[in-house]
Amino acid sequence: MNRASGIFLIIIIITVYPVNGFIGDYRYDTCQDYNSSNVNYVDVLALEGNYYVCKIGFVEGKVTIGWYIDGSRVGYDLNYTSVSILNNENLNNFISGKSYGFSNSEIASLNRVFTQNELRGTYESNVIETELIGDNYYLVINFGYRTSFGNVEDEINQKPRLERLGDFRGSIYLPDFNQRIECSIKLDYNK
């Protein structure tokens, strides 16, 4: 009995604890492709001051890549919001509070910052053609988790560990369907 509880505890620690451990990125939703007419629903109220991440997947080569955001169901009082596509290393730096950036200049052009309440009632997309080095890529919607690309480790590390896990911690609120964002990605390989 004692051995079984020890094994169970080790499994829980391995799967939940590492923010950027060897299985840390499996906690994210899979991004829905715009071409499939499906979307990811993001509960804005539950994530205020945090972030939402969905995994695009491993991408390498010449691609058309981008995102679509529908903020028509967002209410007032939504503070700083940004939308980015980050590779694995930059996502981990974003979460941990270290300086982060983009893997190339075209991916940087996908970054969009919305001022307070600017996202309300908007439908916006941003799509580019680029050549990407092989890596896992993620759509990141930042709801005020951090507001700069610089090092903010001290500020981030003061937050409780579960709060730093963002969407993984789950929503403690009942979903408010009038306070959500619908998002999807565009990914096509080019010849």
C-alpha atoms as a PDB file:
ATOM      1  CA  MET A   1       0.000   0.000   0.000  1.00  0.00           C
ATOM      2  CA  ASN A   2       2.788   2.394   0.911  1.00  0.00           C
ATOM      3  CA  ARG A   3       4.628   1.645  -2.328  1.00  0.00           C
ATOM      4  CA  ALA A   4       1.507   2.342  -4.426  1.00  0.00           C
ATOM      5  CA  SER A   5       0.960   5.745  -2.784  1.00  0.00           C
ATOM      6  CA  GLY A   6       4.630   6.619  -3.333  1.00  0.00           C
ATOM      7  CA  ILE A   7       4.396   5.728  -7.031  1.00  0.00           C
ATOM      8  CA  PHE A   8       1.171   7.736  -7.337  1.00  0.00           C
ATOM      9  CA  LEU A   9       2.836  10.757  -5.708  1.00  0.00           C
ATOM     10  CA  ILE A  10       5.820  10.541  -8.072  1.00  0.00           C
ATOM     11  CA  ILE A  11       3.502  10.396 -11.102  1.00  0.00           C
ATOM     12  CA  ILE A  12       1.596  13.467  -9.889  1.00  0.00           C
ATOM     13  CA  ILE A  13       4.819  15.423  -9.324  1.00  0.00           C
ATOM     14  CA  ILE A  14       6.211  14.492 -12.753  1.00  0.00           C
ATOM     15  CA  THR A  15       3.045  15.447 -14.650  1.00  0.00           C
ATOM     16  CA  VAL A  16       1.942  18.571 -12.764  1.00  0.00           C
ATOM     17  CA  TYR A  17       4.956  20.252 -11.208  1.00  0.00           C
ATOM     18  CA  PRO A  18       7.328  21.099 -14.079  1.00  0.00           C
ATOM     19  CA  VAL A  19       6.446  24.318 -15.864  1.00  0.00           C
ATOM     20  CA  ASN A  20       8.955  23.529 -18.587  1.00  0.00           C
ATOM     21  CA  GLY A  21       9.867  19.946 -17.725  1.00  0.00           C
ATOM     22  CA  PHE A  22      10.036  17.110 -20.178  1.00  0.00           C
ATOM     23  CA  ILE A  23       6.235  16.751 -20.265  1.00  0.00           C
ATOM     24  CA  GLY A  24       5.359  20.276 -19.172  1.00  0.00           C
ATOM     25  CA  ASP A  25       3.844  21.436 -22.456  1.00  0.00           C
ATOM     26  CA  TYR A  26       1.264  18.640 -22.661  1.00  0.00           C
ATOM     27  CA  ARG A  27      -1.052  20.591 -20.361  1.00  0.00           C
ATOM     28  CA  TYR A  28      -2.042  23.050 -23.096  1.00  0.00           C
ATOM     29  CA  ASP A  29      -5.093  22.843 -25.328  1.00  0.00           C
ATOM     30  CA  THR A  30      -4.531  22.051 -28.976  1.00  0.00           C
ATOM     31  CA  CYS A  31      -5.213  25.079 -31.163  1.00  0.00           C
ATOM     32  CA  GLN A  32      -8.142  24.663 -33.490  1.00  0.00           C
ATOM     33  CA  ASP A  33      -7.438  25.324 -37.162  1.00  0.00           C
ATOM     34  CA  TYR A  34      -9.472  28.103 -38.738  1.00  0.00           C
ATOM     35  CA  ASN A  35     -10.058  25.940 -41.830  1.00  0.00           C
ATOM     36  CA  SER A  36     -11.894  23.342 -39.719  1.00  0.00           C
ATOM     37  CA  SER A  37     -14.530  25.888 -38.564  1.00  0.00           C
ATOM     38  CA  ASN A  38     -13.755  24.988 -34.940  1.00  0.00           C
ATOM     39  CA  VAL A  39     -12.530  27.463 -32.320  1.00  0.00           C
ATOM     40  CA  ASN A  40     -10.952  27.496 -28.882  1.00  0.00           C
ATOM     41  CA  TYR A  41     -13.083  29.225 -26.241  1.00  0.00           C
ATOM     42  CA  VAL A  42     -11.181  31.332 -23.711  1.00  0.00           C
ATOM     43  CA  ASP A  43     -12.931  32.356 -20.482  1.00  0.00           C
ATOM     44  CA  VAL A  44     -11.799  35.962 -20.011  1.00  0.00           C
ATOM     45  CA  LEU A  45     -12.930  36.416 -16.393  1.00  0.00           C
ATOM     46  CA  ALA A  46     -11.112  33.328 -15.128  1.00  0.00           C
ATOM     47  CA  LEU A  47      -7.850  34.346 -16.795  1.00  0.00           C
ATOM     48  CA  GLU A  48      -7.711  38.050 -15.904  1.00  0.00           C
ATOM     49  CA  GLY A  49      -4.085  38.712 -14.903  1.00  0.00           C
ATOM     50  CA  ASN A  50      -2.924  35.405 -16.419  1.00  0.00           C
ATOM     51  CA  TYR A  51      -2.548  33.929 -19.878  1.00  0.00           C
ATOM     52  CA  TYR A  52      -3.994  31.324 -22.216  1.00  0.00           C
ATOM     53  CA  VAL A  53      -1.809  29.007 -24.296  1.00  0.00           C
ATOM     54  CA  CYS A  54      -2.775  26.524 -26.968  1.00  0.00           C
ATOM     55  CA  LYS A  55      -0.290  24.344 -28.790  1.00  0.00           C
ATOM     56  CA  ILE A  56      -0.021  24.711 -32.561  1.00  0.00           C
ATOM     57  CA  GLY A  57       2.453  21.836 -32.771  1.00  0.00           C
ATOM     58  CA  PHE A  58       5.799  21.127 -34.394  1.00  0.00           C
ATOM     59  CA  VAL A  59       6.290  23.342 -37.443  1.00  0.00           C
ATOM     60  CA  GLU A  60       9.225  23.404 -39.838  1.00  0.00           C
ATOM     61  CA  GLY A  61       9.646  24.906 -43.299  1.00  0.00           C
ATOM     62  CA  LYS A  62       7.772  27.460 -45.409  1.00  0.00           C
ATOM     63  CA  VAL A  63       4.337  28.084 -43.941  1.00  0.00           C
ATOM     64  CA  THR A  64       1.413  30.435 -43.842  1.00  0.00           C
ATOM     65  CA  ILE A  65       0.769  30.950 -40.136  1.00  0.00           C
ATOM     66  CA  GLY A  66      -1.399  33.289 -38.098  1.00  0.00           C
ATOM     67  CA  TRP A  67      -4.300  33.690 -35.709  1.00  0.00           C
ATOM     68  CA  TYR A  68      -7.956  34.736 -35.615  1.00  0.00           C
ATOM     69  CA  ILE A  69      -9.565  36.360 -32.568  1.00  0.00           C
ATOM     70  CA  ASP A  70     -13.265  37.079 -32.045  1.00  0.00           C
ATOM     71  CA  GLY A  71     -13.811  39.459 -29.150  1.00  0.00           C
ATOM     72  CA  SER A  72     -17.462  40.129 -29.880  1.00  0.00           C
ATOM     73  CA  ARG A  73     -18.455  38.466 -26.583  1.00  0.00           C
ATOM     74  CA  VAL A  74     -16.000  40.354 -24.402  1.00  0.00           C
ATOM     75  CA  GLY A  75     -17.448  42.779 -21.891  1.00  0.00           C
ATOM     76  CA  TYR A  76     -15.953  45.937 -20.473  1.00  0.00           C
ATOM     77  CA  ASP A  77     -13.072  46.146 -18.016  1.00  0.00           C
ATOM     78  CA  LEU A  78     -10.691  43.930 -19.990  1.00  0.00           C
ATOM     79  CA  ASN A  79      -7.254  45.355 -19.322  1.00  0.00           C
ATOM     80  CA  TYR A  80      -4.032  44.800 -21.238  1.00  0.00           C
ATOM     81  CA  THR A  81      -4.293  41.938 -23.739  1.00  0.00           C
ATOM     82  CA  SER A  82      -1.755  40.733 -26.280  1.00  0.00           C
ATOM     83  CA  VAL A  83      -1.753  37.927 -28.840  1.00  0.00           C
ATOM     84  CA  SER A  84       1.486  36.264 -29.966  1.00  0.00           C
ATOM     85  CA  ILE A  85       2.868  33.103 -31.493  1.00  0.00           C
ATOM     86  CA  LEU A  86       5.915  31.865 -29.577  1.00  0.00           C
ATOM     87  CA  ASN A  87       8.263  28.932 -29.955  1.00  0.00           C
ATOM     88  CA  ASN A  88       9.015  26.576 -27.060  1.00  0.00           C
ATOM     89  CA  GLU A  89      11.993  28.488 -25.619  1.00  0.00           C
ATOM     90  CA  ASN A  90      10.272  31.884 -25.751  1.00  0.00           C
ATOM     91  CA  LEU A  91       7.084  30.460 -24.205  1.00  0.00           C
ATOM     92  CA  ASN A  92       9.067  29.057 -21.288  1.00  0.00           C
ATOM     93  CA  ASN A  93      10.826  32.417 -20.852  1.00  0.00           C
ATOM     94  CA  PHE A  94       7.460  34.219 -21.005  1.00  0.00           C
ATOM     95  CA  ILE A  95       6.023  31.997 -18.258  1.00  0.00           C
ATOM     96  CA  SER A  96       9.090  32.133 -16.006  1.00  0.00           C
ATOM     97  CA  GLY A  97       9.454  35.936 -16.257  1.00  0.00           C
ATOM     98  CA  LYS A  98      12.733  35.951 -18.175  1.00  0.00           C
ATOM     99  CA  SER A  99      13.357  38.188 -21.184  1.00  0.00           C
ATOM    100  CA  TYR A 100      11.709  36.741 -24.263  1.00  0.00           C
ATOM    101  CA  GLY A 101      11.227  37.584 -27.911  1.00  0.00           C
ATOM    102  CA  PHE A 102      10.355  35.919 -31.200  1.00  0.00           C
ATOM    103  CA  SER A 103      12.124  33.269 -33.261  1.00  0.00           C
ATOM    104  CA  ASN A 104      12.192  35.498 -36.377  1.00  0.00           C
ATOM    105  CA  SER A 105      11.069  38.943 -37.511  1.00  0.00           C
ATOM    106  CA  GLU A 106       8.009  37.677 -39.405  1.00  0.00           C
ATOM    107  CA  ILE A 107       6.711  35.913 -36.278  1.00  0.00           C
ATOM    108  CA  ALA A 108       7.289  39.181 -34.382  1.00  0.00           C
ATOM    109  CA  SER A 109       4.915  40.924 -36.805  1.00  0.00           C
ATOM    110  CA  LEU A 110       2.128  38.609 -35.548  1.00  0.00           C
ATOM    111  CA  ASN A 111       2.339  40.176 -32.085  1.00  0.00           C
ATOM    112  CA  ARG A 112      -0.702  42.386 -31.418  1.00  0.00           C
ATOM    113  CA  VAL A 113      -1.270  44.434 -28.277  1.00  0.00           C
ATOM    114  CA  PHE A 114      -4.812  45.570 -27.468  1.00  0.00           C
ATOM    115  CA  THR A 115      -5.318  48.530 -25.155  1.00  0.00           C
ATOM    116  CA  GLN A 116      -7.973  48.457 -22.441  1.00  0.00           C
ATOM    117  CA  ASN A 117     -11.352  47.456 -23.916  1.00  0.00           C
ATOM    118  CA  GLU A 118     -10.008  47.608 -27.491  1.00  0.00           C
ATOM    119  CA  LEU A 119     -10.667  43.893 -27.976  1.00  0.00           C
ATOM    120  CA  ARG A 120     -14.349  44.325 -27.106  1.00  0.00           C
ATOM    121  CA  GLY A 121     -16.547  43.780 -30.143  1.00  0.00           C
ATOM    122  CA  THR A 122     -13.689  43.141 -32.573  1.00  0.00           C
ATOM    123  CA  TYR A 123     -12.863  40.362 -34.952  1.00  0.00           C
ATOM    124  CA  GLU A 124      -9.249  40.448 -35.997  1.00  0.00           C
ATOM    125  CA  SER A 125      -6.790  38.234 -37.824  1.00  0.00           C
ATOM    126  CA  ASN A 126      -3.091  38.383 -38.544  1.00  0.00           C
ATOM    127  CA  VAL A 127      -1.543  35.961 -41.056  1.00  0.00           C
ATOM    128  CA  ILE A 128       1.948  35.880 -42.605  1.00  0.00           C
ATOM    129  CA  GLU A 129       4.087  33.695 -44.824  1.00  0.00           C
ATOM    130  CA  THR A 130       7.479  32.742 -43.388  1.00  0.00           C
ATOM    131  CA  GLU A 131      10.056  30.002 -43.067  1.00  0.00           C
ATOM    132  CA  LEU A 132      10.269  28.542 -39.570  1.00  0.00           C
ATOM    133  CA  ILE A 133      13.003  26.498 -37.972  1.00  0.00           C
ATOM    134  CA  GLY A 134      11.783  23.209 -36.551  1.00  0.00           C
ATOM    135  CA  ASP A 135      10.228  23.781 -33.140  1.00  0.00           C
ATOM    136  CA  ASN A 136       6.943  23.567 -31.247  1.00  0.00           C
ATOM    137  CA  TYR A 137       4.885  26.748 -31.602  1.00  0.00           C
ATOM    138  CA  TYR A 138       2.096  28.110 -29.384  1.00  0.00           C
ATOM    139  CA  LEU A 139      -0.629  30.729 -29.587  1.00  0.00           C
ATOM    140  CA  VAL A 140      -0.351  32.880 -26.446  1.00  0.00           C
ATOM    141  CA  ILE A 141      -3.064  35.283 -25.296  1.00  0.00           C
ATOM    142  CA  ASN A 142      -1.725  37.404 -22.455  1.00  0.00           C
ATOM    143  CA  PHE A 143      -4.392  38.920 -20.174  1.00  0.00           C
ATOM    144  CA  GLY A 144      -1.975  41.071 -18.175  1.00  0.00           C
ATOM    145  CA  TYR A 145       0.285  38.297 -16.866  1.00  0.00           C
ATOM    146  CA  ARG A 146       3.193  40.495 -17.931  1.00  0.00           C
ATOM    147  CA  THR A 147       3.366  43.717 -19.927  1.00  0.00           C
ATOM    148  CA  SER A 148       6.969  43.808 -21.163  1.00  0.00           C
ATOM    149  CA  PHE A 149       9.467  41.652 -23.000  1.00  0.00           C
ATOM    150  CA  GLY A 150      12.131  42.385 -20.369  1.00  0.00           C
ATOM    151  CA  ASN A 151      13.090  40.354 -17.329  1.00  0.00           C
ATOM    152  CA  VAL A 152      10.326  40.389 -14.688  1.00  0.00           C
ATOM    153  CA  GLU A 153      11.336  37.200 -12.836  1.00  0.00           C
ATOM    154  CA  ASP A 154      11.064  38.794  -9.387  1.00  0.00           C
ATOM    155  CA  GLU A 155       7.507  39.978 -10.077  1.00  0.00           C
ATOM    156  CA  ILE A 156       6.457  36.611 -11.573  1.00  0.00           C
ATOM    157  CA  ASN A 157       8.106  34.517  -8.859  1.00  0.00           C
ATOM    158  CA  GLN A 158       6.133  36.347  -6.168  1.00  0.00           C
ATOM    159  CA  LYS A 159       2.956  34.821  -7.577  1.00  0.00           C
ATOM    160  CA  PRO A 160       1.910  31.418  -6.199  1.00  0.00           C
ATOM    161  CA  ARG A 161       3.083  28.513  -8.388  1.00  0.00           C
ATOM    162  CA  LEU A 162      -0.465  27.461  -9.337  1.00  0.00           C
ATOM    163  CA  GLU A 163      -1.232  31.003 -10.475  1.00  0.00           C
ATOM    164  CA  ARG A 164       1.866  30.938 -12.722  1.00  0.00           C
ATOM    165  CA  LEU A 165       0.516  27.829 -14.469  1.00  0.00           C
ATOM    166  CA  GLY A 166      -2.189  29.938 -16.107  1.00  0.00           C
ATOM    167  CA  ASP A 167      -4.923  28.002 -17.910  1.00  0.00           C
ATOM    168  CA  PHE A 168      -3.725  24.655 -16.511  1.00  0.00           C
ATOM    169  CA  ARG A 169      -5.119  25.497 -13.077  1.00  0.00           C
ATOM    170  CA  GLY A 170      -8.600  25.495 -14.551  1.00  0.00           C
ATOM    171  CA  SER A 171     -11.405  27.926 -14.163  1.00  0.00           C
ATOM    172  CA  ILE A 172     -12.863  28.340 -10.684  1.00  0.00           C
ATOM    173  CA  TYR A 173     -15.671  30.407 -12.164  1.00  0.00           C
ATOM    174  CA  LEU A 174     -18.712  29.174 -13.952  1.00  0.00           C
ATOM    175  CA  PRO A 175     -18.245  29.985 -17.619  1.00  0.00           C
ATOM    176  CA  ASP A 176     -19.751  33.326 -18.550  1.00  0.00           C
ATOM    177  CA  PHE A 177     -20.525  32.950 -22.231  1.00  0.00           C
ATOM    178  CA  ASN A 178     -20.788  36.726 -22.551  1.00  0.00           C
ATOM    179  CA  GLN A 179     -17.165  37.062 -21.408  1.00  0.00           C
ATOM    180  CA  ARG A 180     -15.159  34.858 -23.709  1.00  0.00           C
ATOM    181  CA  ILE A 181     -12.861  35.076 -26.675  1.00  0.00           C
ATOM    182  CA  GLU A 182     -12.999  32.673 -29.576  1.00  0.00           C
ATOM    183  CA  CYS A 183      -9.668  31.993 -31.235  1.00  0.00           C
ATOM    184  CA  SER A 184      -8.155  29.725 -33.855  1.00  0.00           C
ATOM    185  CA  ILE A 185      -4.971  29.487 -35.871  1.00  0.00           C
ATOM    186  CA  LYS A 186      -4.117  29.360 -39.537  1.00  0.00           C
ATOM    187  CA  LEU A 187      -1.383  26.931 -40.541  1.00  0.00           C
ATOM    188  CA  ASP A 188      -0.697  25.783 -44.085  1.00  0.00           C
ATOM    189  CA  TYR A 189       2.559  24.470 -45.530  1.00  0.00           C
ATOM    190  CA  ASN A 190       3.767  26.193 -48.694  1.00  0.00           C
ATOM    191  CA  LYS A 191       5.912  24.734 -51.456  1.00  0.00           C
END
